[in-house]
Amino acid sequence: MHESAVRIADAVNGPSGRPDFVLAIDGSSGAGKTTLAACIAAQSGASVFHMDDIYPGWTGLEQGAQYLVDWILRPLAESRPAIWRRYDWYTEEFAETHTISPGGPLIVEGVGSYSLQSAPYLHSTIWVEANTPQRRARVESRDGLSTAQMWPLWAAQEETFHRKHRTREAADFLIQN
């Protein structure tokens, strides 16, 4: 994956690179989106925004994708600061406020980072995939059993979301992880 990250980072920072470049990294849970985002950010200096921070709970994938547009992408495209509140998964409420300043390259990683609504604000999209047993094992290892128990509910939302928004088909890069 590191080699792919270097090539993608070069595209982000290349001669035609934009200071306001926005890259979406989408795919199903446990596919390796966060790891890839960290690798690209390390190579490119881009900031990373995690979709996990704005989903309003286990049934909030579609709403989180809309928050991405309303709170992050649209303001940045208008050269305004993006002001958003982090969702606290333990209290099940929105918590502290955060700000992203306009002007720097941004990587948005997570399920729902690409949608029909976010597409006009994105400069490039990556789809990351892995087989279901591998993804599920990663989620259980990373997030623990309580999160793994929510897998069926979340996976059903992912499937519906990706089909509706044709996320994989819209990607500029496909990475098998």
C-alpha atoms as a PDB file:
ATOM      1  CA  MET A   1       0.000   0.000   0.000  1.00  0.00           C
ATOM      2  CA  HIS A   2       2.914   2.348   0.713  1.00  0.00           C
ATOM      3  CA  GLU A   3       3.905   2.408  -2.972  1.00  0.00           C
ATOM      4  CA  SER A   4       0.360   3.371  -3.993  1.00  0.00           C
ATOM      5  CA  ALA A   5       0.341   6.115  -1.359  1.00  0.00           C
ATOM      6  CA  VAL A   6       3.545   7.624  -2.748  1.00  0.00           C
ATOM      7  CA  ARG A   7       2.149   7.714  -6.299  1.00  0.00           C
ATOM      8  CA  ILE A   8      -1.116   9.259  -5.125  1.00  0.00           C
ATOM      9  CA  ALA A   9       0.698  11.810  -2.942  1.00  0.00           C
ATOM     10  CA  ASP A  10       2.765  12.794  -5.982  1.00  0.00           C
ATOM     11  CA  ALA A  11      -0.475  13.390  -7.887  1.00  0.00           C
ATOM     12  CA  VAL A  12      -1.789  15.538  -5.027  1.00  0.00           C
ATOM     13  CA  ASN A  13       1.430  17.598  -4.873  1.00  0.00           C
ATOM     14  CA  GLY A  14       2.481  17.456  -8.534  1.00  0.00           C
ATOM     15  CA  PRO A  15       3.057  20.431 -10.839  1.00  0.00           C
ATOM     16  CA  SER A  16      -0.659  20.687 -11.505  1.00  0.00           C
ATOM     17  CA  GLY A  17      -1.450  20.103  -7.827  1.00  0.00           C
ATOM     18  CA  ARG A  18      -3.913  22.495  -6.261  1.00  0.00           C
ATOM     19  CA  PRO A  19      -3.416  24.005  -2.823  1.00  0.00           C
ATOM     20  CA  ASP A  20      -7.089  23.231  -2.090  1.00  0.00           C
ATOM     21  CA  PHE A  21      -7.008  19.643  -3.447  1.00  0.00           C
ATOM     22  CA  VAL A  22      -9.660  17.394  -1.861  1.00  0.00           C
ATOM     23  CA  LEU A  23      -9.214  13.628  -2.078  1.00  0.00           C
ATOM     24  CA  ALA A  24     -11.917  11.197  -0.925  1.00  0.00           C
ATOM     25  CA  ILE A  25     -10.974   7.682   0.166  1.00  0.00           C
ATOM     26  CA  ASP A  26     -14.048   5.462   0.328  1.00  0.00           C
ATOM     27  CA  GLY A  27     -14.758   1.757   0.673  1.00  0.00           C
ATOM     28  CA  SER A  28     -16.382  -0.562   3.166  1.00  0.00           C
ATOM     29  CA  SER A  29     -15.424  -0.829   6.838  1.00  0.00           C
ATOM     30  CA  GLY A  30     -12.076  -2.463   7.472  1.00  0.00           C
ATOM     31  CA  ALA A  31     -10.859  -2.113   3.872  1.00  0.00           C
ATOM     32  CA  GLY A  32      -7.844   0.021   4.846  1.00  0.00           C
ATOM     33  CA  LYS A  33      -9.047   3.569   4.163  1.00  0.00           C
ATOM     34  CA  THR A  34      -7.610   5.097   7.339  1.00  0.00           C
ATOM     35  CA  THR A  35      -4.229   3.432   6.835  1.00  0.00           C
ATOM     36  CA  LEU A  36      -4.049   4.609   3.221  1.00  0.00           C
ATOM     37  CA  ALA A  37      -5.077   8.145   4.229  1.00  0.00           C
ATOM     38  CA  ALA A  38      -2.306   8.260   6.850  1.00  0.00           C
ATOM     39  CA  CYS A  39       0.273   7.077   4.287  1.00  0.00           C
ATOM     40  CA  ILE A  40      -0.806   9.654   1.698  1.00  0.00           C
ATOM     41  CA  ALA A  41      -0.903  12.423   4.314  1.00  0.00           C
ATOM     42  CA  ALA A  42       2.615  11.537   5.473  1.00  0.00           C
ATOM     43  CA  GLN A  43       3.877  11.786   1.891  1.00  0.00           C
ATOM     44  CA  SER A  44       1.873  14.862   0.838  1.00  0.00           C
ATOM     45  CA  GLY A  45       1.426  16.944   3.986  1.00  0.00           C
ATOM     46  CA  ALA A  46      -2.347  16.944   3.486  1.00  0.00           C
ATOM     47  CA  SER A  47      -4.705  17.136   6.459  1.00  0.00           C
ATOM     48  CA  VAL A  48      -7.000  14.165   7.086  1.00  0.00           C
ATOM     49  CA  PHE A  49     -10.675  14.334   8.021  1.00  0.00           C
ATOM     50  CA  HIS A  50     -12.308  11.127   9.299  1.00  0.00           C
ATOM     51  CA  MET A  51     -15.954  10.480   8.485  1.00  0.00           C
ATOM     52  CA  ASP A  52     -16.227   8.520  11.762  1.00  0.00           C
ATOM     53  CA  ASP A  53     -16.156  11.912  13.491  1.00  0.00           C
ATOM     54  CA  ILE A  54     -19.467  13.091  12.019  1.00  0.00           C
ATOM     55  CA  TYR A  55     -21.755  10.085  11.583  1.00  0.00           C
ATOM     56  CA  PRO A  56     -24.599  10.662  14.053  1.00  0.00           C
ATOM     57  CA  GLY A  57     -24.550   7.092  15.351  1.00  0.00           C
ATOM     58  CA  TRP A  58     -24.934   3.623  13.894  1.00  0.00           C
ATOM     59  CA  THR A  59     -27.829   4.541  11.609  1.00  0.00           C
ATOM     60  CA  GLY A  60     -26.322   7.840  10.436  1.00  0.00           C
ATOM     61  CA  LEU A  61     -24.283   7.036   7.333  1.00  0.00           C
ATOM     62  CA  GLU A  62     -26.437   9.001   4.883  1.00  0.00           C
ATOM     63  CA  GLN A  63     -26.740  11.930   7.308  1.00  0.00           C
ATOM     64  CA  GLY A  64     -22.978  11.927   7.911  1.00  0.00           C
ATOM     65  CA  ALA A  65     -22.377  12.161   4.163  1.00  0.00           C
ATOM     66  CA  GLN A  66     -24.655  15.203   4.039  1.00  0.00           C
ATOM     67  CA  TYR A  67     -22.874  16.773   7.032  1.00  0.00           C
ATOM     68  CA  LEU A  68     -19.610  16.358   5.112  1.00  0.00           C
ATOM     69  CA  VAL A  69     -20.981  18.544   2.325  1.00  0.00           C
ATOM     70  CA  ASP A  70     -22.715  21.089   4.568  1.00  0.00           C
ATOM     71  CA  TRP A  71     -20.077  21.425   7.308  1.00  0.00           C
ATOM     72  CA  ILE A  72     -16.786  20.696   5.506  1.00  0.00           C
ATOM     73  CA  LEU A  73     -16.721  20.679   1.713  1.00  0.00           C
ATOM     74  CA  ARG A  74     -19.024  23.560   0.811  1.00  0.00           C
ATOM     75  CA  PRO A  75     -17.463  26.052   3.261  1.00  0.00           C
ATOM     76  CA  LEU A  76     -13.922  25.123   2.164  1.00  0.00           C
ATOM     77  CA  ALA A  77     -14.891  25.454  -1.514  1.00  0.00           C
ATOM     78  CA  GLU A  78     -16.164  28.945  -0.685  1.00  0.00           C
ATOM     79  CA  SER A  79     -12.822  29.744   1.040  1.00  0.00           C
ATOM     80  CA  ARG A  80     -14.522  29.783   4.435  1.00  0.00           C
ATOM     81  CA  PRO A  81     -13.453  27.821   7.508  1.00  0.00           C
ATOM     82  CA  ALA A  82     -15.211  24.488   7.946  1.00  0.00           C
ATOM     83  CA  ILE A  83     -16.746  24.370  11.416  1.00  0.00           C
ATOM     84  CA  TRP A  84     -17.998  21.008  12.626  1.00  0.00           C
ATOM     85  CA  ARG A  85     -18.807  19.099  15.790  1.00  0.00           C
ATOM     86  CA  ARG A  86     -17.335  15.696  16.570  1.00  0.00           C
ATOM     87  CA  TYR A  87     -19.802  12.933  17.319  1.00  0.00           C
ATOM     88  CA  ASP A  88     -19.072  11.185  20.619  1.00  0.00           C
ATOM     89  CA  TRP A  89     -19.874   7.502  20.149  1.00  0.00           C
ATOM     90  CA  TYR A  90     -19.962   6.882  23.918  1.00  0.00           C
ATOM     91  CA  THR A  91     -22.397   9.632  24.902  1.00  0.00           C
ATOM     92  CA  GLU A  92     -24.227   9.385  21.550  1.00  0.00           C
ATOM     93  CA  GLU A  93     -24.199  13.181  21.214  1.00  0.00           C
ATOM     94  CA  PHE A  94     -22.292  15.764  19.250  1.00  0.00           C
ATOM     95  CA  ALA A  95     -19.421  17.104  21.339  1.00  0.00           C
ATOM     96  CA  GLU A  96     -16.741  19.770  20.870  1.00  0.00           C
ATOM     97  CA  THR A  97     -16.427  22.050  17.857  1.00  0.00           C
ATOM     98  CA  HIS A  98     -13.491  21.840  15.434  1.00  0.00           C
ATOM     99  CA  THR A  99     -12.345  24.094  12.595  1.00  0.00           C
ATOM    100  CA  ILE A 100     -10.551  23.327   9.335  1.00  0.00           C
ATOM    101  CA  SER A 101      -9.001  26.353   7.655  1.00  0.00           C
ATOM    102  CA  PRO A 102      -9.390  26.687   3.890  1.00  0.00           C
ATOM    103  CA  GLY A 103      -6.493  26.496   1.483  1.00  0.00           C
ATOM    104  CA  GLY A 104      -4.605  23.298   2.220  1.00  0.00           C
ATOM    105  CA  PRO A 105      -4.935  19.862   0.649  1.00  0.00           C
ATOM    106  CA  LEU A 106      -7.450  17.669   2.446  1.00  0.00           C
ATOM    107  CA  ILE A 107      -8.004  13.924   2.516  1.00  0.00           C
ATOM    108  CA  VAL A 108     -11.507  12.853   3.536  1.00  0.00           C
ATOM    109  CA  GLU A 109     -11.504   9.195   4.518  1.00  0.00           C
ATOM    110  CA  GLY A 110     -14.368   6.959   5.421  1.00  0.00           C
ATOM    111  CA  VAL A 111     -17.541   5.384   4.192  1.00  0.00           C
ATOM    112  CA  GLY A 112     -19.620   8.102   2.563  1.00  0.00           C
ATOM    113  CA  SER A 113     -16.723  10.403   1.720  1.00  0.00           C
ATOM    114  CA  TYR A 114     -17.843  10.100  -1.897  1.00  0.00           C
ATOM    115  CA  SER A 115     -21.513  10.696  -2.627  1.00  0.00           C
ATOM    116  CA  LEU A 116     -23.485  12.276  -5.417  1.00  0.00           C
ATOM    117  CA  GLN A 117     -23.654  15.396  -3.218  1.00  0.00           C
ATOM    118  CA  SER A 118     -19.929  15.521  -2.400  1.00  0.00           C
ATOM    119  CA  ALA A 119     -18.724  14.764  -5.947  1.00  0.00           C
ATOM    120  CA  PRO A 120     -18.705  18.413  -7.144  1.00  0.00           C
ATOM    121  CA  TYR A 121     -16.311  19.320  -4.311  1.00  0.00           C
ATOM    122  CA  LEU A 122     -13.840  16.454  -4.812  1.00  0.00           C
ATOM    123  CA  HIS A 123     -10.801  16.511  -7.076  1.00  0.00           C
ATOM    124  CA  SER A 124     -10.117  12.778  -6.912  1.00  0.00           C
ATOM    125  CA  THR A 125     -11.572   9.634  -5.346  1.00  0.00           C
ATOM    126  CA  ILE A 126     -10.040   6.336  -4.284  1.00  0.00           C
ATOM    127  CA  TRP A 127     -11.996   3.142  -3.666  1.00  0.00           C
ATOM    128  CA  VAL A 128     -10.277   0.702  -1.276  1.00  0.00           C
ATOM    129  CA  GLU A 129     -11.531  -2.859  -1.034  1.00  0.00           C
ATOM    130  CA  ALA A 130     -10.727  -6.102   0.732  1.00  0.00           C
ATOM    131  CA  ASN A 131     -12.638  -9.345   1.148  1.00  0.00           C
ATOM    132  CA  THR A 132     -15.362  -9.474   3.788  1.00  0.00           C
ATOM    133  CA  PRO A 133     -13.696 -11.928   6.226  1.00  0.00           C
ATOM    134  CA  GLN A 134     -10.507  -9.845   6.195  1.00  0.00           C
ATOM    135  CA  ARG A 135     -12.428  -6.590   6.719  1.00  0.00           C
ATOM    136  CA  ARG A 136     -14.487  -8.030   9.551  1.00  0.00           C
ATOM    137  CA  ALA A 137     -11.382  -9.382  11.315  1.00  0.00           C
ATOM    138  CA  ARG A 138      -9.751  -5.946  11.057  1.00  0.00           C
ATOM    139  CA  VAL A 139     -12.817  -4.232  12.521  1.00  0.00           C
ATOM    140  CA  GLU A 140     -12.975  -6.707  15.420  1.00  0.00           C
ATOM    141  CA  SER A 141      -9.249  -6.317  16.099  1.00  0.00           C
ATOM    142  CA  ARG A 142      -9.286  -2.530  15.810  1.00  0.00           C
ATOM    143  CA  ASP A 143     -12.596  -1.595  17.414  1.00  0.00           C
ATOM    144  CA  GLY A 144     -13.478  -4.494  19.684  1.00  0.00           C
ATOM    145  CA  LEU A 145     -16.463  -6.748  20.033  1.00  0.00           C
ATOM    146  CA  SER A 146     -19.063  -4.046  20.772  1.00  0.00           C
ATOM    147  CA  THR A 147     -18.390  -2.414  17.401  1.00  0.00           C
ATOM    148  CA  ALA A 148     -18.240  -5.788  15.662  1.00  0.00           C
ATOM    149  CA  GLN A 149     -21.727  -6.525  17.000  1.00  0.00           C
ATOM    150  CA  MET A 150     -23.009  -3.551  14.994  1.00  0.00           C
ATOM    151  CA  TRP A 151     -21.471  -4.963  11.791  1.00  0.00           C
ATOM    152  CA  PRO A 152     -24.747  -6.242  10.232  1.00  0.00           C
ATOM    153  CA  LEU A 153     -26.535  -2.906  10.709  1.00  0.00           C
ATOM    154  CA  TRP A 154     -23.614  -0.829   9.423  1.00  0.00           C
ATOM    155  CA  ALA A 155     -22.760  -3.204   6.549  1.00  0.00           C
ATOM    156  CA  ALA A 156     -26.345  -3.019   5.275  1.00  0.00           C
ATOM    157  CA  GLN A 157     -26.148   0.796   5.242  1.00  0.00           C
ATOM    158  CA  GLU A 158     -22.797   0.678   3.439  1.00  0.00           C
ATOM    159  CA  GLU A 159     -24.147  -1.612   0.749  1.00  0.00           C
ATOM    160  CA  THR A 160     -27.222   0.560   0.183  1.00  0.00           C
ATOM    161  CA  PHE A 161     -25.167   3.762   0.198  1.00  0.00           C
ATOM    162  CA  HIS A 162     -22.521   2.494  -2.223  1.00  0.00           C
ATOM    163  CA  ARG A 163     -25.137   1.144  -4.609  1.00  0.00           C
ATOM    164  CA  LYS A 164     -27.129   4.403  -4.550  1.00  0.00           C
ATOM    165  CA  HIS A 165     -24.087   6.645  -5.042  1.00  0.00           C
ATOM    166  CA  ARG A 166     -22.143   4.233  -7.320  1.00  0.00           C
ATOM    167  CA  THR A 167     -19.087   4.919  -5.212  1.00  0.00           C
ATOM    168  CA  ARG A 168     -16.806   2.226  -6.595  1.00  0.00           C
ATOM    169  CA  GLU A 169     -17.666   3.090 -10.199  1.00  0.00           C
ATOM    170  CA  ALA A 170     -16.931   6.783  -9.616  1.00  0.00           C
ATOM    171  CA  ALA A 171     -13.432   6.199  -8.215  1.00  0.00           C
ATOM    172  CA  ASP A 172     -10.355   7.433 -10.055  1.00  0.00           C
ATOM    173  CA  PHE A 173      -8.204   4.794  -8.327  1.00  0.00           C
ATOM    174  CA  LEU A 174      -9.115   1.270  -7.190  1.00  0.00           C
ATOM    175  CA  ILE A 175      -6.931  -0.328  -4.525  1.00  0.00           C
ATOM    176  CA  GLN A 176      -7.265  -3.985  -3.590  1.00  0.00           C
ATOM    177  CA  ASN A 177      -5.967  -4.291  -0.059  1.00  0.00           C
END
